[in-house]
Amino acid sequence: MSVNAVPSLRLEPMTEQDGRAICDWRYPEPYHLFRWPAWEDMVKQEKEFGDPLIRDRQYLAARKDGQLVGYVQLFPMERTVRIGMGLRPDCCDRGWGTHLTRLVVQEASRRQPSAEIDLEVEKWNRRAIRTYEKAGFVVADQYDRRAVHGIVSVYCMVHRGMA
């Protein structure tokens, strides 16, 4: 497959094995900040997909040819579904992010048809911002919030339709 070919990705239930693998992913700088704690800590703290109930309700695995290549989160809020996602480090910079984002939007719309779909992205992350814009998101707000790696400046982007 060429670098920019659109992969055939599928969203499927995230397994414990998927969660363990995702916790081991390490990205190069400057994306090295985006890492999950050790799997054992996630389970002990009942954090995110380390908690089986949260994993079942909010997380999906992205697969290509049966192999885990990414994950998505669909976090339900009152009138909004906030999405989040990540690709396995060796799957980044292949042009797959827009396709994955569109799949997540479709799933969020299926789960909550009348809900707004939004996401947060750190302002410095131009690669992700371009990906989200290609998938129909626009910046709606900006603010600072606490992240695992400190206080970060983020854009809140809202889905306005497929671009």
Protein backbone atom coordinates (compact mmCIF):
# COMPACT_ATOMS: atom_id res chain seq x y z
CA MET A 1 0.00 0.00 0.00
CA SER A 2 1.32 3.44 -0.79
CA VAL A 3 1.86 5.86 2.07
CA ASN A 4 -1.23 7.95 1.23
CA ALA A 5 -3.59 5.12 0.29
CA VAL A 6 -6.71 5.05 2.43
CA PRO A 7 -6.58 1.94 4.59
CA SER A 8 -9.54 -0.30 5.22
CA LEU A 9 -9.96 0.39 8.92
CA ARG A 10 -12.63 -1.20 11.09
CA LEU A 11 -13.78 -0.15 14.54
CA GLU A 12 -14.28 -3.07 16.92
CA PRO A 13 -14.65 -3.55 20.67
CA MET A 14 -11.40 -2.87 22.51
CA THR A 15 -10.04 -5.89 24.34
CA GLU A 16 -7.84 -6.04 27.41
CA GLN A 17 -5.03 -7.21 25.12
CA ASP A 18 -5.54 -4.06 23.00
CA GLY A 19 -5.33 -1.89 26.12
CA ARG A 20 -2.10 -3.54 27.21
CA ALA A 21 -0.58 -2.95 23.76
CA ILE A 22 -1.68 0.71 23.62
CA CYS A 23 -0.01 1.39 26.98
CA ASP A 24 3.30 0.31 25.42
CA TRP A 25 3.11 2.69 22.45
CA ARG A 26 5.85 5.33 22.40
CA TYR A 27 5.88 8.26 20.00
CA PRO A 28 8.88 10.30 18.80
CA GLU A 29 9.30 13.92 19.89
CA PRO A 30 7.36 16.16 20.07
CA TYR A 31 4.52 13.61 20.32
CA HIS A 32 6.26 11.66 23.10
CA LEU A 33 3.96 13.44 25.56
CA PHE A 34 1.04 11.37 24.30
CA ARG A 35 1.49 8.16 26.21
CA TRP A 36 -0.64 6.14 28.54
CA PRO A 37 0.52 4.99 31.98
CA ALA A 38 1.60 1.38 32.46
CA TRP A 39 -1.27 -1.09 32.01
CA GLU A 40 -1.00 -2.29 35.62
CA ASP A 41 -1.44 1.31 36.85
CA MET A 42 -4.41 1.88 34.55
CA VAL A 43 -6.11 -1.22 35.97
CA LYS A 44 -5.24 -0.45 39.60
CA GLN A 45 -6.55 3.13 39.27
CA GLU A 46 -9.55 1.99 37.19
CA LYS A 47 -8.44 4.64 34.71
CA GLU A 48 -9.93 4.98 31.22
CA PHE A 49 -9.69 1.72 29.23
CA GLY A 50 -8.03 0.04 32.24
CA ASP A 51 -11.56 -0.12 33.69
CA PRO A 52 -13.54 -2.82 31.83
CA LEU A 53 -16.80 -0.87 32.11
CA ILE A 54 -15.33 2.36 30.70
CA ARG A 55 -13.49 0.37 28.02
CA ASP A 56 -16.72 -1.33 26.97
CA ARG A 57 -18.80 1.87 26.91
CA GLN A 58 -16.36 4.41 25.50
CA TYR A 59 -13.46 2.77 23.67
CA LEU A 60 -13.05 0.98 20.35
CA ALA A 61 -10.03 -0.54 18.67
CA ALA A 62 -9.17 0.46 15.11
CA ARG A 63 -7.98 -2.51 13.09
CA LYS A 64 -6.51 -2.99 9.64
CA ASP A 65 -6.41 -6.56 8.38
CA GLY A 66 -7.18 -7.70 11.94
CA GLN A 67 -4.18 -5.87 13.43
CA LEU A 68 -4.53 -3.14 16.07
CA VAL A 69 -3.52 0.15 14.45
CA GLY A 70 -5.33 2.66 16.65
CA TYR A 71 -8.00 3.36 19.21
CA VAL A 72 -10.88 5.76 19.63
CA GLN A 73 -12.85 7.12 22.56
CA LEU A 74 -16.43 8.33 22.37
CA PHE A 75 -17.10 10.23 25.59
CA PRO A 76 -20.81 11.07 25.97
CA MET A 77 -21.64 14.45 27.47
CA GLU A 78 -25.06 16.11 27.83
CA ARG A 79 -25.63 17.16 24.19
CA THR A 80 -22.19 16.34 22.83
CA VAL A 81 -20.00 13.37 22.08
CA ARG A 82 -16.36 14.25 22.66
CA ILE A 83 -14.10 12.07 20.59
CA GLY A 84 -10.47 11.18 20.99
CA MET A 85 -8.20 8.88 19.06
CA GLY A 86 -4.69 7.70 18.49
CA LEU A 87 -2.82 5.74 15.86
CA ARG A 88 -0.05 3.27 16.64
CA PRO A 89 3.24 5.19 16.29
CA ASP A 90 4.37 3.34 13.13
CA CYS A 91 0.98 4.11 11.53
CA CYS A 92 1.32 7.89 11.89
CA ASP A 93 2.25 10.13 8.95
CA ARG A 94 0.64 7.78 6.45
CA GLY A 95 -2.48 9.85 5.85
CA TRP A 96 -4.70 7.48 7.86
CA GLY A 97 -5.78 10.02 10.50
CA THR A 98 -8.49 11.69 8.42
CA HIS A 99 -10.01 8.32 7.54
CA LEU A 100 -9.98 7.27 11.21
CA THR A 101 -11.51 10.60 12.26
CA ARG A 102 -14.34 10.16 9.73
CA LEU A 103 -15.01 6.64 11.03
CA VAL A 104 -15.20 7.97 14.59
CA VAL A 105 -17.62 10.72 13.52
CA GLN A 106 -19.85 8.11 11.86
CA GLU A 107 -19.85 5.98 15.01
CA ALA A 108 -20.57 8.98 17.26
CA SER A 109 -23.48 9.99 15.00
CA ARG A 110 -24.82 6.44 15.09
CA ARG A 111 -24.67 6.35 18.89
CA GLN A 112 -26.15 9.82 19.47
CA PRO A 113 -27.71 11.10 16.22
CA SER A 114 -28.69 14.55 17.53
CA ALA A 115 -25.51 15.24 19.51
CA GLU A 116 -22.80 17.68 18.53
CA ILE A 117 -19.41 16.04 17.99
CA ASP A 118 -16.30 17.77 19.28
CA LEU A 119 -12.72 17.11 20.28
CA GLU A 120 -9.83 18.81 22.01
CA VAL A 121 -6.40 19.21 20.44
CA GLU A 122 -3.31 20.91 21.79
CA LYS A 123 -2.68 24.14 19.87
CA TRP A 124 0.89 23.24 18.91
CA ASN A 125 -0.19 19.97 17.23
CA ARG A 126 -0.54 21.23 13.65
CA ARG A 127 -0.46 17.68 12.24
CA ALA A 128 -3.58 16.69 14.19
CA ILE A 129 -5.33 20.02 13.54
CA ARG A 130 -4.89 19.61 9.76
CA THR A 131 -6.23 16.06 10.00
CA TYR A 132 -9.33 17.17 11.91
CA GLU A 133 -9.96 20.07 9.52
CA LYS A 134 -9.86 17.64 6.57
CA ALA A 135 -12.50 15.57 8.38
CA GLY A 136 -14.86 18.56 8.76
CA PHE A 137 -13.90 20.05 12.14
CA VAL A 138 -13.52 23.76 12.85
CA VAL A 139 -12.09 25.57 15.87
CA ALA A 140 -14.95 26.69 18.13
CA ASP A 141 -13.11 27.64 21.33
CA GLN A 142 -9.68 27.76 22.95
CA TYR A 143 -8.66 27.44 26.58
CA ASP A 144 -6.10 25.97 28.94
CA ARG A 145 -6.69 22.70 30.75
CA ARG A 146 -4.79 20.21 32.84
CA ALA A 147 -3.27 17.22 31.06
CA VAL A 148 -1.05 14.44 32.34
CA HIS A 149 1.98 16.40 31.13
CA GLY A 150 0.89 19.75 32.67
CA ILE A 151 -1.32 22.71 31.80
CA VAL A 152 -1.87 22.81 28.03
CA SER A 153 -3.48 25.26 25.61
CA VAL A 154 -6.10 23.53 23.49
CA TYR A 155 -8.58 24.18 20.75
CA CYS A 156 -12.02 22.72 21.05
CA MET A 157 -12.98 21.74 17.51
CA VAL A 158 -16.57 20.99 16.45
CA HIS A 159 -17.64 18.82 13.55
CA ARG A 160 -19.43 20.86 10.88
CA GLY A 161 -19.72 18.22 8.20
CA MET A 162 -17.51 16.15 5.98
CA ALA A 163 -14.98 18.23 4.14
